[in-house]
Protein backbone atom coordinates (compact mmCIF):
# COMPACT_ATOMS: atom_id res chain seq x y z
CA MET A 1 110.45 203.57 78.58
CA ASP A 2 113.07 201.72 80.85
CA ARG A 3 113.42 202.79 84.34
CA PRO A 4 116.47 205.16 84.31
CA GLN A 5 119.34 203.68 85.62
CA THR A 6 121.42 206.91 85.64
CA ILE A 7 120.45 209.88 88.19
CA ALA A 8 120.09 213.59 87.42
CA LEU A 9 123.39 215.38 87.32
CA ARG A 10 125.03 216.42 90.53
CA PRO A 11 125.22 220.17 91.02
CA PRO A 12 125.79 222.33 89.17
CA GLY A 13 123.83 220.05 86.84
CA THR A 14 125.90 220.87 83.63
CA THR A 15 126.29 218.05 81.14
CA PHE A 16 129.86 217.39 79.43
CA MET A 17 130.30 220.18 77.06
CA ASN A 18 126.55 221.08 77.08
CA PHE A 19 125.94 218.09 75.04
CA PRO A 20 122.38 216.58 75.42
CA LEU A 21 121.56 214.45 78.42
CA CYS A 22 120.10 211.06 77.71
CA ARG A 23 119.09 208.95 80.81
CA ASP A 24 116.75 206.67 78.74
CA LEU A 25 118.97 204.33 77.41
CA SER A 26 116.45 202.30 75.48
CA GLY A 27 116.36 205.49 73.29
CA LEU A 28 119.89 206.29 73.04
CA ASP A 29 120.96 207.51 69.77
CA ALA A 30 124.61 208.22 69.90
CA ASP A 31 128.20 207.92 68.52
CA PHE A 32 129.80 208.58 71.95
CA ALA A 33 127.96 208.40 75.43
CA ILE A 34 129.45 209.96 78.43
CA LEU A 35 129.03 208.15 81.70
CA GLY A 36 129.86 208.96 85.22
CA ILE A 37 130.65 206.17 87.62
CA PRO A 38 131.39 207.61 90.72
CA PHE A 39 132.25 204.84 93.26
CA GLY A 40 134.79 202.12 93.33
CA ALA A 41 135.09 199.30 96.10
CA PRO A 42 136.69 200.92 99.18
CA TYR A 43 139.63 199.61 101.13
CA GLY A 44 138.72 199.63 105.00
CA ASP A 45 138.59 203.40 106.27
CA ASP A 46 138.35 204.93 102.76
CA MET A 47 135.67 207.46 102.85
CA VAL A 48 132.26 206.38 101.32
CA PRO A 49 131.78 208.35 99.13
CA ASN A 50 135.31 209.74 98.74
CA ASP A 51 136.49 212.85 96.94
CA GLN A 52 137.12 210.97 93.56
CA ALA A 53 133.25 210.33 93.47
CA LYS A 54 132.93 214.15 92.72
CA ALA A 55 135.04 213.95 89.74
CA PRO A 56 132.38 213.39 87.15
CA ALA A 57 130.56 216.56 88.21
CA ALA A 58 134.00 218.45 88.20
CA VAL A 59 135.06 217.44 84.74
CA ARG A 60 131.63 218.53 83.47
CA ARG A 61 131.47 221.74 85.31
CA GLU A 62 135.05 222.55 83.78
CA SER A 63 134.34 221.24 80.29
CA THR A 64 132.28 224.47 79.58
CA ARG A 65 135.56 226.21 79.42
CA LEU A 66 137.07 223.94 76.75
CA SER A 67 135.02 225.47 73.52
CA LEU A 68 133.32 228.53 72.47
CA GLY A 69 131.58 226.35 69.93
CA LEU A 70 131.77 223.37 67.86
CA ASP A 71 132.49 225.34 64.94
CA HIS A 72 135.56 226.76 66.37
CA TRP A 73 139.11 225.48 65.36
CA ASP A 74 140.84 223.01 67.52
CA PHE A 75 144.72 222.85 66.94
CA ASP A 76 144.89 219.53 68.67
CA LEU A 77 142.86 217.92 65.87
CA ASP A 78 143.67 220.37 63.11
CA GLY A 79 140.08 221.32 62.51
CA THR A 80 136.71 221.34 64.13
CA LEU A 81 135.77 218.60 66.65
CA PHE A 82 133.72 216.74 64.54
CA ASN A 83 135.31 217.49 61.32
CA GLY A 84 132.27 218.48 59.43
CA ARG A 85 130.47 215.13 60.12
CA ASP A 86 126.96 214.64 61.91
CA ILE A 87 128.39 213.30 64.97
CA ARG A 88 126.11 212.70 68.28
CA VAL A 89 127.42 212.96 71.87
CA ARG A 90 125.35 212.23 74.54
CA ASP A 91 125.75 212.74 78.37
CA CYS A 92 123.98 209.72 80.11
CA GLY A 93 124.42 211.06 83.63
CA ASP A 94 125.76 209.11 86.51
CA ILE A 95 125.29 205.52 87.65
CA ALA A 96 122.52 205.19 90.26
CA GLY A 97 124.30 203.05 92.91
CA ASP A 98 124.60 202.89 96.47
CA PRO A 99 128.19 203.97 97.56
CA ALA A 100 127.89 201.64 100.42
CA ASP A 101 127.13 198.59 98.22
CA SER A 102 130.06 198.39 95.75
CA ALA A 103 128.57 195.14 94.33
CA GLY A 104 125.45 196.36 93.43
CA HIS A 105 127.01 199.50 92.23
CA TYR A 106 129.51 197.46 89.78
CA ALA A 107 126.58 195.43 88.66
CA MET A 108 124.69 198.51 87.66
CA ALA A 109 127.78 199.91 86.01
CA GLN A 110 128.14 196.79 83.94
CA ASP A 111 124.58 196.67 82.95
CA VAL A 112 124.55 200.29 81.95
CA VAL A 113 127.78 200.22 79.87
CA GLY A 114 126.28 196.95 78.28
CA ARG A 115 123.26 198.74 77.08
CA ILE A 116 125.30 201.72 75.73
CA LEU A 117 127.49 199.19 73.50
CA LYS A 118 124.09 197.45 72.43
CA ARG A 119 123.11 201.02 71.10
CA ALA A 120 126.27 201.12 68.93
CA ALA A 121 127.73 204.06 71.05
CA CYS A 122 131.19 204.53 72.33
CA PRO A 123 131.41 204.72 76.11
CA ILE A 124 133.55 207.39 77.46
CA ILE A 125 133.57 206.94 81.38
CA ILE A 126 134.53 209.37 84.05
CA GLY A 127 135.52 208.00 87.47
CA GLY A 128 135.56 207.36 90.41
CA ASP A 129 138.64 205.52 91.43
CA HIS A 130 140.42 202.99 89.32
CA GLY A 131 138.15 199.97 90.53
CA VAL A 132 135.71 201.65 88.14
CA PRO A 133 137.12 199.97 84.89
CA ILE A 134 136.51 196.48 86.21
CA PRO A 135 132.85 196.58 85.66
CA VAL A 136 133.23 198.49 82.43
CA LEU A 137 135.53 195.67 81.06
CA ARG A 138 133.19 193.15 82.01
CA ALA A 139 130.44 194.78 79.72
CA TYR A 140 132.84 194.14 76.70
CA ASP A 141 132.44 190.30 76.95
CA ARG A 142 130.92 190.24 73.70
CA LYS A 143 133.21 192.72 71.91
CA GLY A 144 136.43 190.93 72.30
CA PRO A 145 139.04 190.33 71.93
CA ILE A 146 140.33 193.59 73.16
CA ASN A 147 143.48 194.79 74.31
CA ILE A 148 143.77 197.00 77.47
CA VAL A 149 146.24 200.33 77.24
CA GLN A 150 146.57 201.73 80.89
CA ILE A 151 148.31 204.89 81.54
CA ASP A 152 149.05 204.93 85.55
CA ALA A 153 151.94 205.56 87.70
CA HIS A 154 151.12 202.17 89.21
CA ILE A 155 150.49 198.41 87.62
CA ASP A 156 147.55 197.79 89.70
CA TRP A 157 148.16 194.05 89.70
CA ARG A 158 147.22 193.35 93.39
CA ASP A 159 144.96 190.17 93.75
CA ASP A 160 143.50 191.95 96.62
CA VAL A 161 144.12 194.75 99.49
CA ASP A 162 142.89 193.48 102.78
CA GLY A 163 140.48 191.06 101.43
CA VAL A 164 138.90 193.58 98.62
CA ARG A 165 139.62 192.19 95.07
CA GLU A 166 137.90 194.71 93.04
CA GLY A 167 139.55 197.85 94.43
CA TYR A 168 141.73 200.48 92.81
CA SER A 169 144.88 198.27 93.14
CA SER A 170 143.40 195.45 91.33
CA PRO A 171 141.68 196.38 87.90
CA ILE A 172 144.36 195.07 85.63
CA ARG A 173 144.64 191.89 87.69
CA ARG A 174 140.95 191.33 87.28
CA ALA A 175 141.03 192.37 83.44
CA SER A 176 143.86 189.83 82.82
CA GLU A 177 141.33 187.08 84.14
CA MET A 178 138.55 188.15 81.59
CA ALA A 179 138.59 185.65 78.59
CA HIS A 180 137.95 188.61 76.25
CA VAL A 181 140.84 190.55 77.17
CA ASP A 182 143.98 189.73 75.31
CA ARG A 183 147.16 191.83 75.40
CA ILE A 184 147.90 194.66 78.15
CA PHE A 185 150.14 197.53 77.84
CA GLN A 186 151.02 199.47 80.73
CA ILE A 187 152.50 203.05 80.43
CA GLY A 188 153.84 205.72 82.88
CA MET A 189 154.94 203.33 85.63
CA ARG A 190 157.26 205.22 88.24
CA ALA A 191 158.05 205.51 91.77
CA GLN A 192 156.31 203.24 94.33
CA GLY A 193 152.84 201.87 94.58
CA SER A 194 151.02 198.99 96.08
CA ALA A 195 152.83 196.45 93.91
CA ARG A 196 155.50 194.03 95.55
CA LYS A 197 157.90 191.90 93.64
CA GLN A 198 155.39 189.12 93.27
CA GLU A 199 152.77 191.28 91.42
CA VAL A 200 155.48 192.60 88.99
CA GLU A 201 156.54 189.09 88.29
CA TYR A 202 152.88 187.97 87.88
CA ALA A 203 152.21 190.77 85.35
CA LEU A 204 155.49 189.89 83.18
CA SER A 205 154.32 186.25 83.39
CA TYR A 206 150.92 187.31 81.80
CA GLY A 207 152.74 189.13 79.09
CA ALA A 208 152.14 192.63 80.29
CA ASP A 209 154.23 195.17 78.19
CA ILE A 210 155.37 197.78 80.85
CA THR A 211 156.88 200.95 79.81
CA THR A 212 157.98 203.52 82.46
CA SER A 213 157.34 207.15 82.05
CA TYR A 214 161.27 207.65 81.74
CA GLN A 215 161.36 205.27 78.85
CA VAL A 216 158.47 207.41 77.09
CA HIS A 217 160.24 210.71 77.80
CA LYS A 218 163.54 208.89 76.22
CA GLN A 219 161.99 207.29 73.40
CA GLY A 220 158.69 208.89 72.73
CA MET A 221 155.22 207.42 72.53
CA ALA A 222 155.89 205.98 68.98
CA ALA A 223 158.33 203.47 70.31
CA VAL A 224 155.34 202.02 72.34
CA LEU A 225 152.93 202.16 69.41
CA ALA A 226 155.16 200.24 67.19
CA ARG A 227 155.02 197.37 69.43
CA MET A 228 151.24 197.26 69.51
CA PRO A 229 149.42 194.87 66.99
CA ARG A 230 147.61 196.53 64.01
CA ASN A 231 143.82 196.07 63.22
CA GLU A 232 143.10 195.02 66.78
CA ARG A 233 140.63 196.40 69.28
CA TYR A 234 141.69 198.62 72.38
CA TYR A 235 140.26 199.94 75.51
CA LEU A 236 142.18 202.90 77.08
CA THR A 237 141.89 203.52 80.79
CA ILE A 238 143.88 206.48 82.38
CA ASP A 239 144.66 207.13 85.93
CA ALA A 240 145.13 210.81 86.40
CA ASP A 241 148.18 210.14 88.29
CA GLY A 242 149.97 208.55 85.33
CA LEU A 243 150.26 212.14 84.11
CA ASP A 244 153.05 214.31 85.83
CA PRO A 245 151.39 216.24 88.93
CA ALA A 246 152.49 219.56 87.06
CA VAL A 247 149.96 218.44 84.47
CA MET A 248 147.28 216.85 86.67
CA PRO A 249 147.75 217.99 90.20
CA ALA A 250 144.69 216.62 91.74
CA VAL A 251 145.26 213.19 92.50
CA ALA A 252 145.81 211.21 95.55
CA ALA A 253 149.10 209.53 94.78
CA PRO A 254 151.24 212.31 92.83
CA ALA A 255 154.49 211.09 91.59
CA ALA A 256 157.08 213.16 90.00
CA GLY A 257 158.38 212.41 86.29
CA GLY A 258 154.89 211.44 84.96
CA LEU A 259 153.63 211.58 81.40
CA LEU A 260 152.88 214.89 79.77
CA PHE A 261 149.66 215.79 78.04
CA GLN A 262 151.38 215.42 74.59
CA HIS A 263 152.43 211.93 75.43
CA VAL A 264 148.65 211.00 75.89
CA ARG A 265 147.60 213.01 72.95
CA ALA A 266 150.13 211.15 70.67
CA LEU A 267 148.68 207.85 72.07
CA ILE A 268 145.23 208.42 71.33
CA HIS A 269 146.00 209.62 67.97
CA GLY A 270 148.16 206.72 67.26
CA LEU A 271 145.63 204.18 68.59
CA VAL A 272 142.93 205.27 66.39
CA GLN A 273 145.27 204.83 63.35
CA ILE A 274 146.42 201.38 64.11
CA GLY A 275 142.99 199.78 65.24
CA ASP A 276 139.71 200.46 66.70
CA LEU A 277 139.64 202.20 70.06
CA VAL A 278 136.23 201.06 71.59
CA GLY A 279 136.12 203.08 74.64
CA MET A 280 138.02 204.86 77.35
CA ASP A 281 137.91 205.98 81.06
CA ILE A 282 139.60 208.59 83.11
CA VAL A 283 139.69 208.01 86.79
CA GLU A 284 141.20 208.82 90.29
CA ILE A 285 140.72 212.62 89.95
CA THR A 286 140.26 214.35 93.46
CA PRO A 287 138.71 217.50 92.67
CA THR A 288 139.37 219.43 96.10
CA ARG A 289 142.97 219.19 95.38
CA ASP A 290 142.93 220.81 92.01
CA ILE A 291 144.18 224.29 90.87
CA ASN A 292 141.95 226.45 88.84
CA GLY A 293 140.53 223.33 87.59
CA VAL A 294 143.53 222.42 85.52
CA THR A 295 143.29 218.39 86.07
CA ALA A 296 139.56 218.50 85.13
CA LEU A 297 140.23 220.69 82.28
CA THR A 298 142.88 218.31 81.01
CA ALA A 299 140.77 215.32 81.42
CA GLY A 300 138.19 217.12 79.28
CA GLN A 301 140.83 217.84 76.63
CA ILE A 302 141.93 214.31 76.49
CA ILE A 303 138.20 213.41 76.19
CA LEU A 304 137.90 215.71 73.04
CA ASN A 305 141.02 214.34 71.61
CA PHE A 306 139.51 210.87 71.90
CA ILE A 307 136.27 212.03 70.36
CA GLY A 308 138.17 214.20 67.45
CA ALA A 309 140.52 211.35 66.56
CA LYS A 310 138.13 208.75 66.25
CA VAL A 311 135.96 210.95 64.22
CA ARG A 312 138.79 211.36 61.68
CA TYR A 313 140.19 207.71 61.46
CA SER A 314 136.83 205.64 61.02
CA ASN A 315 138.02 202.42 59.27
CA PRO A 316 138.00 200.05 62.25
CA PRO A 317 137.42 196.34 62.50
CA ASP A 318 133.84 195.47 62.98
CA SER A 319 132.83 196.77 66.39
CA GLY A 320 129.22 197.69 66.03
CA ALA A 321 130.18 201.37 66.06
CA THR A 322 128.52 203.75 63.74
CA LEU A 323 131.22 206.04 63.02
């Protein structure tokens, strides 16, 4: 048995939806693997660990309110979660990294996600801040080409912030440098973030397809999906502030006018029908700012839609998945 690379669950010690815990990745036997990656690369005086490091535990805790049983009808999916199939979901715990050693934490995260992919499971990542997708996407280096779909209020194309190149303002810039990443679709942009004119120009010169939240409200998510190529691989990264603060209030940078839950649901259900959705993350949840757990609950509902939609559409390109 390999030395476990994930740690025991933080209090209250609940797995996501009470699915079985598997910390021995050499024995992972799953279609979907839930993984917490608590830490990003902090900027200057950012707290280490910060509040977002508590998000994996918060989402797991609130997930127990999402379902009374796997045999119950889910109107998001028009059926039960697994649709009568023998689907295996495992919670792999959290990355065992030192929050003061972001490089080591990222290396561990990349290795663990790589192990999950080698076991033909689909990773579902709960962060942590938006630096978290950087090591996750690096683990897909043998699964490319993949297209990135980002839900966010901000474009995240900064090359660095105060010399830090792998923080939460840079994940899409770092993704654009990965040879196995092809097209990038960014959805939900609005208001102001860390991007300046040069970052917007750089993103557009790369070929990023940027859709503001206002365009989605006016045209619908179908218009975005219509621009995406068919029969290709997609990875979905969701910053909680991409959704409207009325839907997900527990974020560090709320901005009015964001996407609604139904937009995200439509995107997920659309992606699994046009291609192979090979993984996802949801990040930037700050649990101490939550209201009745609604942000964590919504994150859990998004994850259930991801699982249920993939279960229903299982004719992707060869990705090594067992679905």
